[in-house]
Full PDB file with SEQRES, HELIX, SHEET, SSBOND, CRYST1, ORIGX, SCALE, CONECT and MASTER records, all heavy atoms in Angstrom:
SEQRES   1 A   41  PRO GLY LYS GLU ARG GLU LEU VAL ALA GLY ILE ASN SER          
SEQRES   2 A   41  ASP GLY ILE THR ASN TYR ALA ASP SER MET LYS GLY ARG          
SEQRES   3 A   41  PHE THR ILE SER ARG ASP ASN ALA LYS ASN THR VAL TYR          
SEQRES   4 A   41  LEU GLN                                                      
HELIX    1 AA1 ASP A   21  MET A   23  5                                   3    
SHEET    1 AA1 2 ALA A   9  ILE A  11  0                                        
SHEET    2 AA1 2 THR A  17  TYR A  19 -1                                        
SHEET    1 AA2 2 ILE A  29  ASP A  32  0                                        
SHEET    2 AA2 2 THR A  37  LEU A  40 -1                                        
CRYST1    1.000    1.000    1.000  90.00  90.00  90.00 P 1           1          
ORIGX1      1.000000  0.000000  0.000000        0.00000                         
ORIGX2      0.000000  1.000000  0.000000        0.00000                         
ORIGX3      0.000000  0.000000  1.000000        0.00000                         
SCALE1      1.000000  0.000000  0.000000        0.00000                         
SCALE2      0.000000  1.000000  0.000000        0.00000                         
SCALE3      0.000000  0.000000  1.000000        0.00000                         
ATOM      1  N   PRO A   1     -16.816  -6.072   6.811  1.00  0.00           N  
ATOM      2  CA  PRO A   1     -17.799  -7.172   7.143  1.00  0.00           C  
ATOM      3  C   PRO A   1     -18.685  -7.549   5.939  1.00  0.00           C  
ATOM      4  O   PRO A   1     -19.205  -6.684   5.285  1.00  0.00           O  
ATOM      5  CB  PRO A   1     -18.672  -6.491   8.238  1.00  0.00           C  
ATOM      6  CG  PRO A   1     -17.759  -5.499   8.862  1.00  0.00           C  
ATOM      7  CD  PRO A   1     -16.955  -4.921   7.743  1.00  0.00           C  
ATOM      8  N   GLY A   2     -18.745  -8.815   5.663  1.00  0.00           N  
ATOM      9  CA  GLY A   2     -19.553  -9.273   4.598  1.00  0.00           C  
ATOM     10  C   GLY A   2     -18.969  -9.126   3.183  1.00  0.00           C  
ATOM     11  O   GLY A   2     -19.618  -9.456   2.210  1.00  0.00           O  
ATOM     12  N   LYS A   3     -17.749  -8.675   3.151  1.00  0.00           N  
ATOM     13  CA  LYS A   3     -17.062  -8.450   1.860  1.00  0.00           C  
ATOM     14  C   LYS A   3     -15.778  -9.247   1.740  1.00  0.00           C  
ATOM     15  O   LYS A   3     -15.249  -9.689   2.761  1.00  0.00           O  
ATOM     16  CB  LYS A   3     -16.796  -6.954   1.645  1.00  0.00           C  
ATOM     17  CG  LYS A   3     -18.026  -6.081   1.574  1.00  0.00           C  
ATOM     18  CD  LYS A   3     -17.674  -4.647   1.170  1.00  0.00           C  
ATOM     19  CE  LYS A   3     -18.944  -3.803   1.031  1.00  0.00           C  
ATOM     20  NZ  LYS A   3     -18.589  -2.414   0.636  1.00  0.00           N  
ATOM     21  N   GLU A   4     -15.320  -9.405   0.550  1.00  0.00           N  
ATOM     22  CA  GLU A   4     -14.048 -10.129   0.339  1.00  0.00           C  
ATOM     23  C   GLU A   4     -12.892  -9.153   0.632  1.00  0.00           C  
ATOM     24  O   GLU A   4     -13.003  -7.965   0.563  1.00  0.00           O  
ATOM     25  CB  GLU A   4     -13.983 -10.598  -1.136  1.00  0.00           C  
ATOM     26  CG  GLU A   4     -15.033 -11.640  -1.449  1.00  0.00           C  
ATOM     27  CD  GLU A   4     -14.807 -12.244  -2.833  1.00  0.00           C  
ATOM     28  OE1 GLU A   4     -13.954 -11.706  -3.608  1.00  0.00           O  
ATOM     29  OE2 GLU A   4     -15.517 -13.170  -3.217  1.00  0.00           O  
ATOM     30  N   ARG A   5     -11.767  -9.801   0.931  1.00  0.00           N  
ATOM     31  CA  ARG A   5     -10.536  -9.066   1.144  1.00  0.00           C  
ATOM     32  C   ARG A   5     -10.122  -8.379  -0.126  1.00  0.00           C  
ATOM     33  O   ARG A   5     -10.141  -9.073  -1.209  1.00  0.00           O  
ATOM     34  CB  ARG A   5      -9.458  -9.946   1.707  1.00  0.00           C  
ATOM     35  CG  ARG A   5      -8.195  -9.207   2.197  1.00  0.00           C  
ATOM     36  CD  ARG A   5      -7.222 -10.160   2.904  1.00  0.00           C  
ATOM     37  NE  ARG A   5      -7.819 -10.761   4.069  1.00  0.00           N  
ATOM     38  CZ  ARG A   5      -7.128 -11.505   4.961  1.00  0.00           C  
ATOM     39  NH1 ARG A   5      -5.831 -11.711   4.737  1.00  0.00           N  
ATOM     40  NH2 ARG A   5      -7.715 -11.994   5.985  1.00  0.00           N  
ATOM     41  N   GLU A   6      -9.703  -7.140  -0.087  1.00  0.00           N  
ATOM     42  CA  GLU A   6      -9.300  -6.449  -1.305  1.00  0.00           C  
ATOM     43  C   GLU A   6      -7.987  -5.716  -1.130  1.00  0.00           C  
ATOM     44  O   GLU A   6      -7.582  -5.357   0.009  1.00  0.00           O  
ATOM     45  CB  GLU A   6     -10.378  -5.372  -1.697  1.00  0.00           C  
ATOM     46  CG  GLU A   6     -10.562  -4.315  -0.653  1.00  0.00           C  
ATOM     47  CD  GLU A   6     -11.572  -3.249  -1.144  1.00  0.00           C  
ATOM     48  OE1 GLU A   6     -11.957  -3.204  -2.312  1.00  0.00           O  
ATOM     49  OE2 GLU A   6     -11.926  -2.392  -0.280  1.00  0.00           O  
ATOM     50  N   LEU A   7      -7.295  -5.561  -2.239  1.00  0.00           N  
ATOM     51  CA  LEU A   7      -6.004  -4.843  -2.239  1.00  0.00           C  
ATOM     52  C   LEU A   7      -6.275  -3.366  -1.965  1.00  0.00           C  
ATOM     53  O   LEU A   7      -7.133  -2.774  -2.535  1.00  0.00           O  
ATOM     54  CB  LEU A   7      -5.302  -4.986  -3.547  1.00  0.00           C  
ATOM     55  CG  LEU A   7      -4.050  -4.163  -3.747  1.00  0.00           C  
ATOM     56  CD1 LEU A   7      -2.924  -4.656  -2.818  1.00  0.00           C  
ATOM     57  CD2 LEU A   7      -3.586  -4.173  -5.181  1.00  0.00           C  
ATOM     58  N   VAL A   8      -5.471  -2.763  -1.069  1.00  0.00           N  
ATOM     59  CA  VAL A   8      -5.510  -1.371  -0.830  1.00  0.00           C  
ATOM     60  C   VAL A   8      -4.336  -0.716  -1.588  1.00  0.00           C  
ATOM     61  O   VAL A   8      -4.500   0.191  -2.363  1.00  0.00           O  
ATOM     62  CB  VAL A   8      -5.336  -1.062   0.690  1.00  0.00           C  
ATOM     63  CG1 VAL A   8      -5.220   0.440   0.910  1.00  0.00           C  
ATOM     64  CG2 VAL A   8      -6.571  -1.603   1.415  1.00  0.00           C  
ATOM     65  N   ALA A   9      -3.124  -1.197  -1.320  1.00  0.00           N  
ATOM     66  CA  ALA A   9      -1.904  -0.602  -1.955  1.00  0.00           C  
ATOM     67  C   ALA A   9      -0.772  -1.613  -1.845  1.00  0.00           C  
ATOM     68  O   ALA A   9      -0.752  -2.438  -0.954  1.00  0.00           O  
ATOM     69  CB  ALA A   9      -1.524   0.683  -1.287  1.00  0.00           C  
ATOM     70  N   GLY A  10       0.133  -1.514  -2.797  1.00  0.00           N  
ATOM     71  CA  GLY A  10       1.300  -2.384  -2.766  1.00  0.00           C  
ATOM     72  C   GLY A  10       2.538  -1.606  -3.124  1.00  0.00           C  
ATOM     73  O   GLY A  10       2.469  -0.544  -3.796  1.00  0.00           O  
ATOM     74  N   ILE A  11       3.701  -2.123  -2.742  1.00  0.00           N  
ATOM     75  CA  ILE A  11       4.972  -1.481  -3.099  1.00  0.00           C  
ATOM     76  C   ILE A  11       5.981  -2.613  -3.264  1.00  0.00           C  
ATOM     77  O   ILE A  11       6.098  -3.527  -2.452  1.00  0.00           O  
ATOM     78  CB  ILE A  11       5.413  -0.481  -1.994  1.00  0.00           C  
ATOM     79  CG1 ILE A  11       6.694   0.194  -2.371  1.00  0.00           C  
ATOM     80  CG2 ILE A  11       5.513  -1.143  -0.616  1.00  0.00           C  
ATOM     81  CD1 ILE A  11       7.014   1.446  -1.498  1.00  0.00           C  
ATOM     82  N   ASN A  12       6.711  -2.536  -4.368  1.00  0.00           N  
ATOM     83  CA  ASN A  12       7.701  -3.612  -4.631  1.00  0.00           C  
ATOM     84  C   ASN A  12       9.103  -3.207  -4.104  1.00  0.00           C  
ATOM     85  O   ASN A  12       9.283  -2.123  -3.501  1.00  0.00           O  
ATOM     86  CB  ASN A  12       7.722  -3.962  -6.088  1.00  0.00           C  
ATOM     87  CG  ASN A  12       8.274  -2.883  -6.976  1.00  0.00           C  
ATOM     88  OD1 ASN A  12       8.849  -1.891  -6.548  1.00  0.00           O  
ATOM     89  ND2 ASN A  12       8.143  -3.085  -8.298  1.00  0.00           N  
ATOM     90  N   SER A  13      10.043  -4.088  -4.348  1.00  0.00           N  
ATOM     91  CA  SER A  13      11.420  -3.830  -3.840  1.00  0.00           C  
ATOM     92  C   SER A  13      12.075  -2.613  -4.475  1.00  0.00           C  
ATOM     93  O   SER A  13      13.010  -2.090  -3.904  1.00  0.00           O  
ATOM     94  CB  SER A  13      12.267  -5.055  -4.024  1.00  0.00           C  
ATOM     95  OG  SER A  13      12.292  -5.419  -5.406  1.00  0.00           O  
ATOM     96  N   ASP A  14      11.607  -2.171  -5.631  1.00  0.00           N  
ATOM     97  CA  ASP A  14      12.138  -0.983  -6.267  1.00  0.00           C  
ATOM     98  C   ASP A  14      11.465   0.269  -5.827  1.00  0.00           C  
ATOM     99  O   ASP A  14      11.717   1.391  -6.349  1.00  0.00           O  
ATOM    100  CB  ASP A  14      12.038  -1.094  -7.796  1.00  0.00           C  
ATOM    101  CG  ASP A  14      12.919  -2.238  -8.295  1.00  0.00           C  
ATOM    102  OD1 ASP A  14      14.019  -2.361  -7.756  1.00  0.00           O  
ATOM    103  OD2 ASP A  14      12.554  -2.920  -9.252  1.00  0.00           O  
ATOM    104  N   GLY A  15      10.428   0.120  -4.935  1.00  0.00           N  
ATOM    105  CA  GLY A  15       9.665   1.281  -4.497  1.00  0.00           C  
ATOM    106  C   GLY A  15       8.525   1.683  -5.405  1.00  0.00           C  
ATOM    107  O   GLY A  15       7.888   2.748  -5.144  1.00  0.00           O  
ATOM    108  N   ILE A  16       8.233   0.910  -6.369  1.00  0.00           N  
ATOM    109  CA  ILE A  16       7.165   1.169  -7.271  1.00  0.00           C  
ATOM    110  C   ILE A  16       5.831   0.812  -6.538  1.00  0.00           C  
ATOM    111  O   ILE A  16       5.691  -0.241  -5.979  1.00  0.00           O  
ATOM    112  CB  ILE A  16       7.246   0.388  -8.579  1.00  0.00           C  
ATOM    113  CG1 ILE A  16       8.514   0.890  -9.304  1.00  0.00           C  
ATOM    114  CG2 ILE A  16       6.018   0.635  -9.492  1.00  0.00           C  
ATOM    115  CD1 ILE A  16       8.829   0.049 -10.522  1.00  0.00           C  
ATOM    116  N   THR A  17       4.878   1.721  -6.585  1.00  0.00           N  
ATOM    117  CA  THR A  17       3.643   1.580  -5.856  1.00  0.00           C  
ATOM    118  C   THR A  17       2.452   1.359  -6.792  1.00  0.00           C  
ATOM    119  O   THR A  17       2.481   1.785  -7.932  1.00  0.00           O  
ATOM    120  CB  THR A  17       3.339   2.777  -4.961  1.00  0.00           C  
ATOM    121  OG1 THR A  17       3.257   3.950  -5.754  1.00  0.00           O  
ATOM    122  CG2 THR A  17       4.486   2.977  -3.953  1.00  0.00           C  
ATOM    123  N   ASN A  18       1.409   0.741  -6.246  1.00  0.00           N  
ATOM    124  CA  ASN A  18       0.124   0.666  -6.945  1.00  0.00           C  
ATOM    125  C   ASN A  18      -0.957   0.757  -5.901  1.00  0.00           C  
ATOM    126  O   ASN A  18      -0.785   0.346  -4.733  1.00  0.00           O  
ATOM    127  CB  ASN A  18       0.007  -0.600  -7.725  1.00  0.00           C  
ATOM    128  CG  ASN A  18       0.009  -1.837  -6.908  1.00  0.00           C  
ATOM    129  OD1 ASN A  18       1.025  -2.255  -6.332  1.00  0.00           O  
ATOM    130  ND2 ASN A  18      -1.173  -2.487  -6.782  1.00  0.00           N  
ATOM    131  N   TYR A  19      -2.115   1.336  -6.330  1.00  0.00           N  
ATOM    132  CA  TYR A  19      -3.203   1.549  -5.418  1.00  0.00           C  
ATOM    133  C   TYR A  19      -4.504   1.166  -6.069  1.00  0.00           C  
ATOM    134  O   TYR A  19      -4.670   1.233  -7.294  1.00  0.00           O  
ATOM    135  CB  TYR A  19      -3.312   3.100  -5.126  1.00  0.00           C  
ATOM    136  CG  TYR A  19      -2.137   3.669  -4.388  1.00  0.00           C  
ATOM    137  CD1 TYR A  19      -1.023   4.174  -5.068  1.00  0.00           C  
ATOM    138  CD2 TYR A  19      -2.088   3.659  -2.985  1.00  0.00           C  
ATOM    139  CE1 TYR A  19       0.073   4.720  -4.431  1.00  0.00           C  
ATOM    140  CE2 TYR A  19      -0.993   4.232  -2.309  1.00  0.00           C  
ATOM    141  CZ  TYR A  19       0.023   4.723  -3.024  1.00  0.00           C  
ATOM    142  OH  TYR A  19       1.139   5.245  -2.319  1.00  0.00           O  
ATOM    143  N   ALA A  20      -5.437   0.756  -5.194  1.00  0.00           N  
ATOM    144  CA  ALA A  20      -6.818   0.516  -5.689  1.00  0.00           C  
ATOM    145  C   ALA A  20      -7.364   1.937  -6.047  1.00  0.00           C  
ATOM    146  O   ALA A  20      -6.958   2.954  -5.432  1.00  0.00           O  
ATOM    147  CB  ALA A  20      -7.665  -0.082  -4.594  1.00  0.00           C  
ATOM    148  N   ASP A  21      -8.236   1.990  -7.017  1.00  0.00           N  
ATOM    149  CA  ASP A  21      -8.725   3.250  -7.534  1.00  0.00           C  
ATOM    150  C   ASP A  21      -9.352   4.152  -6.456  1.00  0.00           C  
ATOM    151  O   ASP A  21      -9.143   5.353  -6.393  1.00  0.00           O  
ATOM    152  CB  ASP A  21      -9.719   3.022  -8.622  1.00  0.00           C  
ATOM    153  CG  ASP A  21      -9.058   2.527  -9.955  1.00  0.00           C  
ATOM    154  OD1 ASP A  21      -7.838   2.689 -10.054  1.00  0.00           O  
ATOM    155  OD2 ASP A  21      -9.772   2.018 -10.786  1.00  0.00           O  
ATOM    156  N   SER A  22     -10.062   3.512  -5.537  1.00  0.00           N  
ATOM    157  CA  SER A  22     -10.759   4.327  -4.526  1.00  0.00           C  
ATOM    158  C   SER A  22      -9.833   4.920  -3.489  1.00  0.00           C  
ATOM    159  O   SER A  22     -10.252   5.751  -2.694  1.00  0.00           O  
ATOM    160  CB  SER A  22     -11.870   3.474  -3.843  1.00  0.00           C  
ATOM    161  OG  SER A  22     -11.259   2.352  -3.164  1.00  0.00           O  
ATOM    162  N   MET A  23      -8.603   4.456  -3.442  1.00  0.00           N  
ATOM    163  CA  MET A  23      -7.649   4.934  -2.477  1.00  0.00           C  
ATOM    164  C   MET A  23      -6.646   5.962  -3.076  1.00  0.00           C  
ATOM    165  O   MET A  23      -5.967   6.643  -2.323  1.00  0.00           O  
ATOM    166  CB  MET A  23      -6.783   3.820  -1.891  1.00  0.00           C  
ATOM    167  CG  MET A  23      -7.573   2.907  -0.916  1.00  0.00           C  
ATOM    168  SD  MET A  23      -8.861   1.972  -1.748  1.00  0.00           S  
ATOM    169  CE  MET A  23      -9.048   0.556  -0.718  1.00  0.00           C  
ATOM    170  N   LYS A  24      -6.604   6.035  -4.382  1.00  0.00           N  
ATOM    171  CA  LYS A  24      -5.613   6.959  -5.027  1.00  0.00           C  
ATOM    172  C   LYS A  24      -5.887   8.372  -4.564  1.00  0.00           C  
ATOM    173  O   LYS A  24      -6.966   8.908  -4.570  1.00  0.00           O  
ATOM    174  CB  LYS A  24      -5.745   6.843  -6.549  1.00  0.00           C  
ATOM    175  CG  LYS A  24      -5.200   5.539  -7.088  1.00  0.00           C  
ATOM    176  CD  LYS A  24      -5.363   5.473  -8.607  1.00  0.00           C  
ATOM    177  CE  LYS A  24      -4.813   4.192  -9.216  1.00  0.00           C  
ATOM    178  NZ  LYS A  24      -5.024   4.110 -10.632  1.00  0.00           N  
ATOM    179  N   GLY A  25      -4.828   9.059  -4.225  1.00  0.00           N  
ATOM    180  CA  GLY A  25      -4.875  10.463  -3.818  1.00  0.00           C  
ATOM    181  C   GLY A  25      -5.181  10.610  -2.326  1.00  0.00           C  
ATOM    182  O   GLY A  25      -5.034  11.702  -1.795  1.00  0.00           O  
ATOM    183  N   ARG A  26      -5.588   9.515  -1.669  1.00  0.00           N  
ATOM    184  CA  ARG A  26      -5.909   9.640  -0.217  1.00  0.00           C  
ATOM    185  C   ARG A  26      -4.943   8.841   0.635  1.00  0.00           C  
ATOM    186  O   ARG A  26      -4.626   9.247   1.725  1.00  0.00           O  
ATOM    187  CB  ARG A  26      -7.371   9.141   0.034  1.00  0.00           C  
ATOM    188  CG  ARG A  26      -8.423   9.933  -0.667  1.00  0.00           C  
ATOM    189  CD  ARG A  26      -9.812   9.541  -0.150  1.00  0.00           C  
ATOM    190  NE  ARG A  26     -10.102   8.116  -0.375  1.00  0.00           N  
ATOM    191  CZ  ARG A  26     -10.482   7.281   0.619  1.00  0.00           C  
ATOM    192  NH1 ARG A  26     -10.572   7.688   1.884  1.00  0.00           N  
ATOM    193  NH2 ARG A  26     -10.733   6.018   0.275  1.00  0.00           N  
ATOM    194  N   PHE A  27      -4.523   7.696   0.095  1.00  0.00           N  
ATOM    195  CA  PHE A  27      -3.612   6.804   0.882  1.00  0.00           C  
ATOM    196  C   PHE A  27      -2.244   6.817   0.201  1.00  0.00           C  
ATOM    197  O   PHE A  27      -2.117   6.944  -0.996  1.00  0.00           O  
ATOM    198  CB  PHE A  27      -4.197   5.339   0.798  1.00  0.00           C  
ATOM    199  CG  PHE A  27      -5.454   5.150   1.554  1.00  0.00           C  
ATOM    200  CD1 PHE A  27      -6.152   6.143   2.129  1.00  0.00           C  
ATOM    201  CD2 PHE A  27      -5.933   3.830   1.688  1.00  0.00           C  
ATOM    202  CE1 PHE A  27      -7.322   5.957   2.807  1.00  0.00           C  
ATOM    203  CE2 PHE A  27      -7.101   3.596   2.387  1.00  0.00           C  
ATOM    204  CZ  PHE A  27      -7.808   4.640   2.951  1.00  0.00           C  
ATOM    205  N   THR A  28      -1.221   6.659   1.053  1.00  0.00           N  
ATOM    206  CA  THR A  28       0.138   6.570   0.605  1.00  0.00           C  
ATOM    207  C   THR A  28       0.840   5.392   1.284  1.00  0.00           C  
ATOM    208  O   THR A  28       0.873   5.347   2.507  1.00  0.00           O  
ATOM    209  CB  THR A  28       0.924   7.855   0.886  1.00  0.00           C  
ATOM    210  OG1 THR A  28       0.243   8.999   0.281  1.00  0.00           O  
ATOM    211  CG2 THR A  28       2.343   7.802   0.320  1.00  0.00           C  
ATOM    212  N   ILE A  29       1.417   4.514   0.439  1.00  0.00           N  
ATOM    213  CA  ILE A  29       2.162   3.389   1.021  1.00  0.00           C  
ATOM    214  C   ILE A  29       3.667   3.732   0.943  1.00  0.00           C  
ATOM    215  O   ILE A  29       4.106   4.367  -0.085  1.00  0.00           O  
ATOM    216  CB  ILE A  29       1.823   2.091   0.292  1.00  0.00           C  
ATOM    217  CG1 ILE A  29       2.475   0.871   0.969  1.00  0.00           C  
ATOM    218  CG2 ILE A  29       2.246   2.147  -1.185  1.00  0.00           C  
ATOM    219  CD1 ILE A  29       1.958  -0.467   0.462  1.00  0.00           C  
ATOM    220  N   SER A  30       4.381   3.284   1.880  1.00  0.00           N  
ATOM    221  CA  SER A  30       5.889   3.471   1.884  1.00  0.00           C  
ATOM    222  C   SER A  30       6.483   2.350   2.622  1.00  0.00           C  
ATOM    223  O   SER A  30       5.833   1.626   3.379  1.00  0.00           O  
ATOM    224  CB  SER A  30       6.255   4.868   2.437  1.00  0.00           C  
ATOM    225  OG  SER A  30       5.812   4.947   3.827  1.00  0.00           O  
ATOM    226  N   ARG A  31       7.790   2.208   2.491  1.00  0.00           N  
ATOM    227  CA  ARG A  31       8.505   1.141   3.176  1.00  0.00           C  
ATOM    228  C   ARG A  31       9.856   1.626   3.657  1.00  0.00           C  
ATOM    229  O   ARG A  31      10.474   2.489   2.993  1.00  0.00           O  
ATOM    230  CB  ARG A  31       8.634  -0.102   2.293  1.00  0.00           C  
ATOM    231  CG  ARG A  31       9.429   0.117   1.027  1.00  0.00           C  
ATOM    232  CD  ARG A  31       9.332  -1.092   0.099  1.00  0.00           C  
ATOM    233  NE  ARG A  31      10.127  -2.261   0.523  1.00  0.00           N  
ATOM    234  CZ  ARG A  31      10.133  -3.459  -0.069  1.00  0.00           C  
ATOM    235  NH1 ARG A  31       9.292  -3.690  -1.111  1.00  0.00           N  
ATOM    236  NH2 ARG A  31      10.932  -4.423   0.372  1.00  0.00           N  
ATOM    237  N   ASP A  32      10.290   1.085   4.741  1.00  0.00           N  
ATOM    238  CA  ASP A  32      11.630   1.326   5.273  1.00  0.00           C  
ATOM    239  C   ASP A  32      12.376   0.031   5.284  1.00  0.00           C  
ATOM    240  O   ASP A  32      12.143  -0.819   6.137  1.00  0.00           O  
ATOM    241  CB  ASP A  32      11.575   1.942   6.670  1.00  0.00           C  
ATOM    242  CG  ASP A  32      12.910   2.292   7.242  1.00  0.00           C  
ATOM    243  OD1 ASP A  32      13.943   1.704   6.871  1.00  0.00           O  
ATOM    244  OD2 ASP A  32      12.950   3.194   8.092  1.00  0.00           O  
ATOM    245  N   ASN A  33      13.220  -0.171   4.287  1.00  0.00           N  
ATOM    246  CA  ASN A  33      13.866  -1.501   4.145  1.00  0.00           C  
ATOM    247  C   ASN A  33      14.822  -1.793   5.287  1.00  0.00           C  
ATOM    248  O   ASN A  33      14.979  -2.971   5.670  1.00  0.00           O  
ATOM    249  CB  ASN A  33      14.632  -1.573   2.816  1.00  0.00           C  
ATOM    250  CG  ASN A  33      13.693  -1.546   1.637  1.00  0.00           C  
ATOM    251  OD1 ASN A  33      12.581  -2.055   1.681  1.00  0.00           O  
ATOM    252  ND2 ASN A  33      14.158  -0.939   0.562  1.00  0.00           N  
ATOM    253  N   ALA A  34      15.417  -0.827   5.892  1.00  0.00           N  
ATOM    254  CA  ALA A  34      16.314  -0.992   6.989  1.00  0.00           C  
ATOM    255  C   ALA A  34      15.570  -1.543   8.200  1.00  0.00           C  
ATOM    256  O   ALA A  34      16.115  -2.302   9.040  1.00  0.00           O  
ATOM    257  CB  ALA A  34      16.983   0.286   7.322  1.00  0.00           C  
ATOM    258  N   LYS A  35      14.307  -1.188   8.318  1.00  0.00           N  
ATOM    259  CA  LYS A  35      13.488  -1.601   9.478  1.00  0.00           C  
ATOM    260  C   LYS A  35      12.514  -2.757   9.112  1.00  0.00           C  
ATOM    261  O   LYS A  35      11.736  -3.165   9.923  1.00  0.00           O  
ATOM    262  CB  LYS A  35      12.671  -0.426  10.037  1.00  0.00           C  
ATOM    263  CG  LYS A  35      13.509   0.708  10.580  1.00  0.00           C  
ATOM    264  CD  LYS A  35      12.701   1.814  11.191  1.00  0.00           C  
ATOM    265  CE  LYS A  35      13.531   2.927  11.793  1.00  0.00           C  
ATOM    266  NZ  LYS A  35      12.704   4.006  12.297  1.00  0.00           N  
ATOM    267  N   ASN A  36      12.555  -3.145   7.823  1.00  0.00           N  
ATOM    268  CA  ASN A  36      11.628  -4.220   7.336  1.00  0.00           C  
ATOM    269  C   ASN A  36      10.143  -3.833   7.701  1.00  0.00           C  
ATOM    270  O   ASN A  36       9.394  -4.621   8.214  1.00  0.00           O  
ATOM    271  CB  ASN A  36      11.939  -5.533   7.974  1.00  0.00           C  
ATOM    272  CG  ASN A  36      13.230  -6.107   7.429  1.00  0.00           C  
ATOM    273  OD1 ASN A  36      13.586  -5.932   6.242  1.00  0.00           O  
ATOM    274  ND2 ASN A  36      14.010  -6.823   8.257  1.00  0.00           N  
ATOM    275  N   THR A  37       9.851  -2.588   7.426  1.00  0.00           N  
ATOM    276  CA  THR A  37       8.523  -2.036   7.841  1.00  0.00           C  
ATOM    277  C   THR A  37       7.813  -1.399   6.677  1.00  0.00           C  
ATOM    278  O   THR A  37       8.486  -0.716   5.854  1.00  0.00           O  
ATOM    279  CB  THR A  37       8.720  -1.050   9.003  1.00  0.00           C  
ATOM    280  OG1 THR A  37       9.290  -1.699  10.107  1.00  0.00           O  
ATOM    281  CG2 THR A  37       7.344  -0.437   9.420  1.00  0.00           C  
ATOM    282  N   VAL A  38       6.561  -1.623   6.588  1.00  0.00           N  
ATOM    283  CA  VAL A  38       5.773  -0.961   5.560  1.00  0.00           C  
ATOM    284  C   VAL A  38       4.685  -0.107   6.283  1.00  0.00           C  
ATOM    285  O   VAL A  38       4.205  -0.484   7.339  1.00  0.00           O  
ATOM    286  CB  VAL A  38       5.071  -1.986   4.623  1.00  0.00           C  
ATOM    287  CG1 VAL A  38       4.124  -2.945   5.396  1.00  0.00           C  
ATOM    288  CG2 VAL A  38       4.330  -1.318   3.546  1.00  0.00           C  
ATOM    289  N   TYR A  39       4.445   1.074   5.708  1.00  0.00           N  
ATOM    290  CA  TYR A  39       3.483   1.989   6.306  1.00  0.00           C  
ATOM    291  C   TYR A  39       2.385   2.258   5.321  1.00  0.00           C  
ATOM    292  O   TYR A  39       2.499   2.122   4.111  1.00  0.00           O  
ATOM    293  CB  TYR A  39       4.236   3.308   6.600  1.00  0.00           C  
ATOM    294  CG  TYR A  39       5.422   3.185   7.448  1.00  0.00           C  
ATOM    295  CD1 TYR A  39       6.699   3.117   6.897  1.00  0.00           C  
ATOM    296  CD2 TYR A  39       5.321   3.171   8.837  1.00  0.00           C  
ATOM    297  CE1 TYR A  39       7.846   2.996   7.682  1.00  0.00           C  
ATOM    298  CE2 TYR A  39       6.408   3.051   9.646  1.00  0.00           C  
ATOM    299  CZ  TYR A  39       7.696   2.942   9.047  1.00  0.00           C  
ATOM    300  OH  TYR A  39       8.813   2.815   9.886  1.00  0.00           O  
ATOM    301  N   LEU A  40       1.231   2.676   5.902  1.00  0.00           N  
ATOM    302  CA  LEU A  40       0.109   3.151   5.099  1.00  0.00           C  
ATOM    303  C   LEU A  40      -0.469   4.394   5.759  1.00  0.00           C  
ATOM    304  O   LEU A  40      -1.021   4.334   6.806  1.00  0.00           O  
ATOM    305  CB  LEU A  40      -0.970   2.089   4.993  1.00  0.00           C  
ATOM    306  CG  LEU A  40      -2.196   2.435   4.107  1.00  0.00           C  
ATOM    307  CD1 LEU A  40      -1.706   2.508   2.653  1.00  0.00           C  
ATOM    308  CD2 LEU A  40      -3.329   1.504   4.239  1.00  0.00           C  
ATOM    309  N   GLN A  41      -0.197   5.510   5.109  1.00  0.00           N  
ATOM    310  CA  GLN A  41      -0.759   6.784   5.528  1.00  0.00           C  
ATOM    311  C   GLN A  41      -2.123   6.980   4.903  1.00  0.00           C  
ATOM    312  O   GLN A  41      -2.237   6.964   3.652  1.00  0.00           O  
ATOM    313  CB  GLN A  41       0.166   7.955   5.113  1.00  0.00           C  
ATOM    314  CG  GLN A  41      -0.384   9.280   5.529  1.00  0.00           C  
ATOM    315  CD  GLN A  41      -0.432   9.506   7.013  1.00  0.00           C  
ATOM    316  OE1 GLN A  41       0.470   9.185   7.763  1.00  0.00           O  
ATOM    317  NE2 GLN A  41      -1.572  10.113   7.497  1.00  0.00           N  
TER     318      GLN A  41                                                      
MASTER        0    0    0    1    4    0    0    6  317    1    0    4          
END                                                                             
């Protein structure tokens, strides 16, 4: 609330990930290409 939308994490088609600094070590992004699904733990 009251803030701009910000990136949490991303993953490209090669499985390479990137995270916002405040989420590193706490959040994990993954994808299941067969299910066209992305997850955020």
